[in-house]
Amino acid sequence: MNNILKYFPSKINEVLQEEIEKKENLEEIRIRVQKPIILKFSDTEVVVRYFVNNEEILNILQLICENSIYSYQNQISEGFVTVSGGHRVGISGSCVIENGKVININYINSLNIRIARQVLDCSDSFLNYILNLKMNNVYNTLIISPPGAGKTTLLRDIVRQISNGIKKLNFKGINVGLVDERGEIASLYKGVPQNDIGIKTDVIENVPKQIGMKMLIRSMAPQVIVADEIGGYEDIQIINYAIRSGCKGIFTAHGSNFYDIYVNPVLKSLIDNHVFEVLIFLDSNSKGRPNEVYLLDKNNLQYKSIINEAKIRIC
């Protein structure tokens, strides 16, 4: 934790170190002006009775930005800064708007330090559904889960494994184009991925998916395009463009069941047009585990569950 604690003034550092040493699996450090610090662990929250003032928040931000806030202004305008180790610092305050875009955040009042923790091999139980071993490629896949169920962690490990290759399955590594729109998958720090995303992965970060996918397809010739949290109208066109260009795709979306997917007209359109060959719903009660897996029967235009044998006809 030293690479996180170094961003705090000495008083806060001492208080946090004392609390953090008592437990394992720290996930977040939330700092709000004139409020106590809250530490979120995997199984509980701890309220630290230390009230942070404006000067201390600014001091923390200065340390995070290596004493050059101006050089981090683009990231700050997006609402977060990625630091060494892949940890992500969320920022909130008073936004400065110009031509309809956020160009800066002033009077910063909250910081949320999210601790990066890569879970290697967490995708093992999903690979048999996603991999097309005959073609040494993947099926067009949509992974659906509520927030916090582990879909981004799962996606990161899928990227790593299909990029490196999977010896036990005789799967050779393939070129992956990763659009990391919010910098949560690769966690680039000065251009270097802080997470292991494989040896054959090209990543483009902090760019809208519709722009990033097109750039990667035109310049890096990926065999697979990967992006997190689709659902906007622009996503229909760019996903169709990627597939027409000969790429396979692995994507995630928010939802718990088919009803959640169908009330989103964008996801409904992609499913109605049989874009996805595999639909995986994650178990919200057990991170990183499949609750339902549906495979597309292209002859009957049905998604058939391989877990409970249910069928859903898509007209």
Protein backbone atom coordinates (compact mmCIF):
# COMPACT_ATOMS: atom_id res chain seq x y z
CA MET A 1 0.00 0.00 0.00
CA ASN A 2 2.99 2.29 0.13
CA ASN A 3 2.48 3.40 -3.48
CA ILE A 4 -0.97 4.71 -2.42
CA LEU A 5 -0.11 6.18 0.98
CA LYS A 6 2.68 8.27 -0.51
CA TYR A 7 0.02 10.59 -1.95
CA PHE A 8 -1.20 11.64 1.51
CA PRO A 9 0.22 14.27 3.87
CA SER A 10 2.04 12.76 6.84
CA LYS A 11 -0.83 13.17 9.34
CA ILE A 12 -3.35 11.41 7.08
CA ASN A 13 -0.75 8.83 6.08
CA GLU A 14 -0.25 7.78 9.71
CA VAL A 15 -3.98 7.53 10.41
CA LEU A 16 -4.68 5.51 7.27
CA GLN A 17 -1.73 3.17 7.73
CA GLU A 18 -2.94 2.28 11.22
CA GLU A 19 -6.44 1.39 9.95
CA ILE A 20 -5.35 -0.36 6.75
CA GLU A 21 -2.98 -2.69 8.61
CA LYS A 22 -5.95 -4.10 10.57
CA LYS A 23 -7.73 -5.55 7.52
CA GLU A 24 -7.12 -6.92 4.03
CA ASN A 25 -8.61 -6.26 0.58
CA LEU A 26 -8.92 -2.48 0.66
CA GLU A 27 -11.00 -1.34 -2.35
CA GLU A 28 -11.55 2.41 -1.93
CA ILE A 29 -10.41 5.42 0.06
CA ARG A 30 -13.07 8.15 -0.02
CA ILE A 31 -12.08 11.65 1.01
CA ARG A 32 -14.62 14.48 1.30
CA VAL A 33 -13.94 17.99 2.52
CA GLN A 34 -14.88 18.50 6.18
CA LYS A 35 -16.05 14.89 6.40
CA PRO A 36 -14.41 11.77 7.89
CA ILE A 37 -12.38 9.49 5.62
CA ILE A 38 -14.16 6.27 4.64
CA LEU A 39 -12.25 3.09 3.85
CA LYS A 40 -14.14 0.47 1.84
CA PHE A 41 -12.93 -3.09 2.19
CA SER A 42 -14.35 -6.10 0.37
CA ASP A 43 -16.64 -6.96 3.27
CA THR A 44 -17.09 -3.77 5.30
CA GLU A 45 -16.55 -0.02 5.57
CA VAL A 46 -14.49 1.79 8.20
CA VAL A 47 -15.15 5.43 9.09
CA VAL A 48 -11.90 7.12 10.08
CA ARG A 49 -12.55 10.05 12.40
CA TYR A 50 -10.19 12.40 10.63
CA PHE A 51 -11.85 15.41 9.01
CA VAL A 52 -10.03 16.56 5.88
CA ASN A 53 -9.85 20.26 5.04
CA ASN A 54 -9.66 22.00 1.65
CA GLU A 55 -5.91 22.57 1.89
CA GLU A 56 -5.25 18.87 2.51
CA ILE A 57 -7.39 17.81 -0.46
CA LEU A 58 -5.46 20.21 -2.70
CA ASN A 59 -2.19 18.87 -1.26
CA ILE A 60 -3.25 15.29 -2.05
CA LEU A 61 -4.15 16.27 -5.60
CA GLN A 62 -0.80 18.01 -6.03
CA LEU A 63 1.01 14.82 -5.00
CA ILE A 64 -1.17 12.69 -7.28
CA CYS A 65 -0.36 15.03 -10.20
CA GLU A 66 3.36 15.04 -9.37
CA ASN A 67 3.18 18.73 -8.43
CA SER A 68 1.98 19.66 -11.92
CA ILE A 69 -1.81 19.83 -11.89
CA TYR A 70 -1.78 21.69 -15.20
CA SER A 71 -0.20 18.73 -17.04
CA TYR A 72 -3.02 16.49 -15.75
CA GLN A 73 -5.80 18.91 -16.69
CA ASN A 74 -7.19 16.71 -19.48
CA GLN A 75 -7.56 13.77 -17.10
CA ILE A 76 -9.00 15.99 -14.38
CA SER A 77 -11.56 17.27 -16.88
CA GLU A 78 -12.68 13.66 -17.38
CA GLY A 79 -13.19 13.32 -13.63
CA PHE A 80 -10.31 11.01 -12.75
CA VAL A 81 -6.54 10.58 -12.72
CA THR A 82 -4.73 7.23 -13.11
CA VAL A 83 -1.62 6.84 -10.97
CA SER A 84 1.26 4.37 -10.92
CA GLY A 85 0.03 0.85 -10.24
CA GLY A 86 -3.20 1.43 -12.12
CA HIS A 87 -5.02 2.95 -9.16
CA ARG A 88 -7.68 5.44 -10.19
CA VAL A 89 -8.51 8.67 -8.38
CA GLY A 90 -12.02 10.00 -8.97
CA ILE A 91 -12.48 13.76 -8.62
CA SER A 92 -15.55 15.89 -7.98
CA GLY A 93 -16.04 19.60 -7.52
CA SER A 94 -17.19 22.65 -9.45
CA CYS A 95 -16.97 22.04 -13.20
CA VAL A 96 -15.84 24.67 -15.67
CA ILE A 97 -17.81 24.35 -18.92
CA GLU A 98 -16.78 25.71 -22.30
CA ASN A 99 -18.65 24.98 -25.55
CA GLY A 100 -20.63 22.29 -23.79
CA LYS A 101 -17.53 20.42 -22.55
CA VAL A 102 -15.88 20.20 -19.14
CA ILE A 103 -12.47 21.86 -19.41
CA ASN A 104 -11.53 21.85 -15.73
CA ILE A 105 -12.77 21.08 -12.21
CA ASN A 106 -12.31 23.82 -9.60
CA TYR A 107 -12.94 23.82 -5.84
CA ILE A 108 -12.36 20.09 -5.63
CA ASN A 109 -14.29 18.70 -2.66
CA SER A 110 -14.06 14.90 -3.02
CA LEU A 111 -11.51 12.29 -4.01
CA ASN A 112 -12.17 8.58 -4.42
CA ILE A 113 -9.04 6.43 -4.64
CA ARG A 114 -10.03 3.07 -6.14
CA ILE A 115 -7.43 0.39 -5.48
CA ALA A 116 -6.49 -1.59 -8.59
CA ARG A 117 -6.36 -5.32 -8.04
CA GLN A 118 -6.01 -7.68 -10.97
CA VAL A 119 -7.50 -11.15 -10.51
CA LEU A 120 -5.54 -13.49 -12.76
CA ASP A 121 -7.33 -16.51 -14.27
CA CYS A 122 -10.75 -15.37 -13.02
CA SER A 123 -12.06 -15.91 -16.55
CA ASP A 124 -11.17 -19.62 -16.70
CA SER A 125 -14.76 -20.80 -16.21
CA PHE A 126 -15.94 -18.58 -19.09
CA LEU A 127 -13.42 -19.53 -21.77
CA ASN A 128 -15.30 -22.60 -23.03
CA TYR A 129 -18.27 -20.38 -23.87
CA ILE A 130 -16.30 -17.57 -25.51
CA LEU A 131 -13.58 -19.36 -27.49
CA ASN A 132 -14.11 -20.74 -30.97
CA LEU A 133 -11.31 -23.28 -30.84
CA LYS A 134 -11.86 -24.53 -34.39
CA MET A 135 -11.18 -21.05 -35.78
CA ASN A 136 -8.70 -20.04 -33.06
CA ASN A 137 -10.83 -16.99 -32.40
CA VAL A 138 -13.76 -15.96 -30.21
CA TYR A 139 -17.51 -15.75 -30.58
CA ASN A 140 -19.18 -12.35 -30.61
CA THR A 141 -19.97 -12.10 -26.92
CA LEU A 142 -21.96 -9.80 -24.65
CA ILE A 143 -21.34 -10.03 -20.90
CA ILE A 144 -24.19 -8.61 -18.82
CA SER A 145 -24.18 -7.84 -15.12
CA PRO A 146 -25.35 -5.30 -12.53
CA PRO A 147 -22.73 -2.79 -11.34
CA GLY A 148 -20.20 -4.31 -8.97
CA ALA A 149 -20.56 -7.91 -10.14
CA GLY A 150 -17.05 -8.06 -11.58
CA LYS A 151 -17.58 -7.67 -15.32
CA THR A 152 -14.64 -5.28 -15.85
CA THR A 153 -12.29 -7.52 -13.88
CA LEU A 154 -13.53 -10.48 -15.91
CA LEU A 155 -13.11 -8.62 -19.20
CA ARG A 156 -9.55 -7.66 -18.32
CA ASP A 157 -8.58 -11.29 -17.72
CA ILE A 158 -10.30 -12.46 -20.92
CA VAL A 159 -8.23 -9.93 -22.85
CA ARG A 160 -5.03 -11.12 -21.18
CA GLN A 161 -5.71 -14.79 -21.88
CA ILE A 162 -6.79 -14.55 -25.51
CA SER A 163 -3.89 -12.20 -26.21
CA ASN A 164 -1.24 -14.42 -24.62
CA GLY A 165 -2.75 -17.69 -25.80
CA ILE A 166 -3.99 -20.57 -23.65
CA LYS A 167 -1.67 -23.54 -23.84
CA LYS A 168 -3.94 -26.02 -22.05
CA LEU A 169 -6.67 -25.37 -24.67
CA ASN A 170 -4.23 -25.23 -27.59
CA PHE A 171 -5.42 -21.67 -28.25
CA LYS A 172 -2.85 -19.43 -29.90
CA GLY A 173 -2.71 -15.78 -28.91
CA ILE A 174 -4.57 -13.36 -31.22
CA ASN A 175 -4.39 -9.61 -31.80
CA VAL A 176 -6.77 -7.73 -29.52
CA GLY A 177 -7.84 -4.12 -29.96
CA LEU A 178 -8.91 -2.75 -26.57
CA VAL A 179 -10.89 0.49 -26.34
CA ASP A 180 -10.41 1.50 -22.71
CA GLU A 181 -12.78 4.44 -22.67
CA ARG A 182 -12.45 5.25 -18.95
CA GLY A 183 -8.99 3.79 -18.39
CA GLU A 184 -10.25 1.02 -16.09
CA ILE A 185 -9.05 -2.08 -17.95
CA ALA A 186 -5.43 -1.46 -18.92
CA SER A 187 -4.96 1.53 -16.57
CA LEU A 188 -2.31 3.28 -18.63
CA TYR A 189 0.18 5.36 -16.68
CA LYS A 190 2.30 7.53 -18.96
CA GLY A 191 1.37 5.19 -21.81
CA VAL A 192 2.33 1.96 -20.03
CA PRO A 193 -0.41 -0.52 -19.03
CA GLN A 194 -0.36 -1.04 -15.27
CA ASN A 195 -2.43 -4.20 -15.65
CA ASP A 196 -1.38 -7.30 -17.57
CA ILE A 197 -3.49 -7.21 -20.76
CA GLY A 198 -1.39 -9.66 -22.78
CA ILE A 199 1.40 -9.48 -25.30
CA LYS A 200 -0.80 -9.07 -28.39
CA THR A 201 -3.08 -6.30 -27.14
CA ASP A 202 -3.14 -2.77 -28.52
CA VAL A 203 -4.98 -0.34 -26.26
CA ILE A 204 -6.38 3.10 -26.88
CA GLU A 205 -7.59 5.00 -23.83
CA ASN A 206 -9.78 7.96 -22.85
CA VAL A 207 -11.58 8.06 -26.17
CA PRO A 208 -15.25 7.38 -27.04
CA LYS A 209 -15.81 3.82 -28.22
CA GLN A 210 -17.07 4.83 -31.66
CA ILE A 211 -13.84 6.74 -32.31
CA GLY A 212 -11.47 4.30 -30.63
CA MET A 213 -12.82 1.21 -32.42
CA LYS A 214 -12.51 2.82 -35.81
CA MET A 215 -8.96 3.97 -35.10
CA LEU A 216 -7.85 0.52 -33.96
CA ILE A 217 -9.52 -1.29 -36.88
CA ARG A 218 -7.90 1.03 -39.41
CA SER A 219 -4.45 1.13 -37.88
CA MET A 220 -3.82 -2.05 -35.84
CA ALA A 221 -5.75 -4.81 -37.68
CA PRO A 222 -7.20 -6.50 -34.59
CA GLN A 223 -8.84 -9.90 -34.77
CA VAL A 224 -10.97 -9.04 -31.75
CA ILE A 225 -12.34 -5.69 -30.58
CA VAL A 226 -13.06 -5.33 -26.85
CA ALA A 227 -14.94 -2.54 -25.05
CA ASP A 228 -16.62 -2.11 -21.69
CA GLU A 229 -20.20 -0.94 -21.02
CA ILE A 230 -21.90 -0.48 -24.37
CA GLY A 231 -25.42 0.93 -24.56
CA GLY A 232 -25.33 4.26 -26.43
CA TYR A 233 -26.89 4.80 -29.85
CA GLU A 234 -23.46 5.34 -31.41
CA ASP A 235 -22.48 1.83 -30.33
CA ILE A 236 -24.86 0.14 -32.81
CA GLN A 237 -23.14 1.64 -35.83
CA ILE A 238 -19.56 1.10 -34.68
CA ILE A 239 -20.14 -2.51 -33.53
CA ASN A 240 -21.74 -3.33 -36.87
CA TYR A 241 -18.81 -1.60 -38.59
CA ALA A 242 -16.32 -3.69 -36.60
CA ILE A 243 -18.04 -6.97 -37.41
CA ARG A 244 -18.40 -6.08 -41.11
CA SER A 245 -14.67 -5.37 -41.07
CA GLY A 246 -13.99 -8.98 -40.09
CA CYS A 247 -13.43 -8.44 -36.36
CA LYS A 248 -15.00 -10.42 -33.59
CA GLY A 249 -16.17 -8.53 -30.53
CA ILE A 250 -16.39 -8.97 -26.77
CA PHE A 251 -18.40 -6.34 -24.92
CA THR A 252 -20.09 -5.76 -21.57
CA ALA A 253 -23.34 -4.05 -20.59
CA HIS A 254 -25.35 -3.31 -17.45
CA GLY A 255 -28.32 -5.53 -16.67
CA SER A 256 -29.55 -8.54 -14.73
CA ASN A 257 -31.79 -10.37 -17.20
CA PHE A 258 -33.33 -10.25 -20.67
CA TYR A 259 -35.90 -7.69 -19.58
CA ASP A 260 -33.13 -5.25 -18.61
CA ILE A 261 -31.52 -5.76 -22.01
CA TYR A 262 -34.74 -5.35 -23.95
CA VAL A 263 -35.73 -2.04 -22.32
CA ASN A 264 -32.50 -0.60 -23.75
CA PRO A 265 -33.31 0.00 -27.44
CA VAL A 266 -29.63 -0.11 -28.40
CA LEU A 267 -28.98 -3.54 -26.89
CA LYS A 268 -32.36 -4.78 -28.14
CA SER A 269 -31.42 -3.77 -31.69
CA LEU A 270 -28.08 -5.61 -31.53
CA ILE A 271 -29.72 -8.76 -30.18
CA ASP A 272 -32.65 -8.61 -32.63
CA ASN A 273 -30.11 -8.49 -35.44
CA HIS A 274 -28.30 -11.52 -34.01
CA VAL A 275 -24.99 -9.70 -33.62
CA PHE A 276 -24.03 -11.63 -30.49
CA GLU A 277 -23.44 -15.37 -30.59
CA VAL A 278 -23.02 -15.71 -26.83
CA LEU A 279 -24.80 -13.88 -24.00
CA ILE A 280 -23.41 -14.30 -20.49
CA PHE A 281 -25.26 -13.03 -17.41
CA LEU A 282 -23.06 -12.78 -14.32
CA ASP A 283 -24.20 -13.86 -10.89
CA SER A 284 -24.71 -10.68 -8.85
CA ASN A 285 -24.32 -12.63 -5.60
CA SER A 286 -21.01 -14.20 -6.52
CA LYS A 287 -18.50 -12.04 -8.36
CA GLY A 288 -17.08 -13.46 -11.57
CA ARG A 289 -19.43 -16.42 -11.92
CA PRO A 290 -21.96 -17.06 -14.72
CA ASN A 291 -25.61 -17.09 -13.74
CA GLU A 292 -26.94 -17.82 -17.24
CA VAL A 293 -25.21 -18.48 -20.56
CA TYR A 294 -27.19 -18.30 -23.81
CA LEU A 295 -25.88 -19.53 -27.15
CA LEU A 296 -27.45 -18.37 -30.41
CA ASP A 297 -28.96 -21.08 -32.59
CA LYS A 298 -28.57 -19.37 -35.97
CA ASN A 299 -30.96 -21.77 -37.70
CA ASN A 300 -33.91 -21.14 -35.40
CA LEU A 301 -32.91 -17.64 -34.24
CA GLN A 302 -33.16 -18.70 -30.63
CA TYR A 303 -30.94 -18.08 -27.66
CA LYS A 304 -30.73 -21.33 -25.74
CA SER A 305 -29.56 -21.46 -22.16
CA ILE A 306 -26.95 -24.14 -21.64
CA ILE A 307 -27.57 -23.98 -17.89
CA ASN A 308 -31.33 -24.44 -17.50
CA GLU A 309 -32.30 -25.34 -21.10
CA ALA A 310 -34.58 -22.28 -21.42
CA LYS A 311 -35.09 -20.83 -24.89
CA ILE A 312 -35.76 -17.25 -25.85
CA ARG A 313 -36.84 -16.60 -29.41
CA ILE A 314 -35.54 -13.41 -30.99
CA CYS A 315 -37.67 -12.32 -33.93
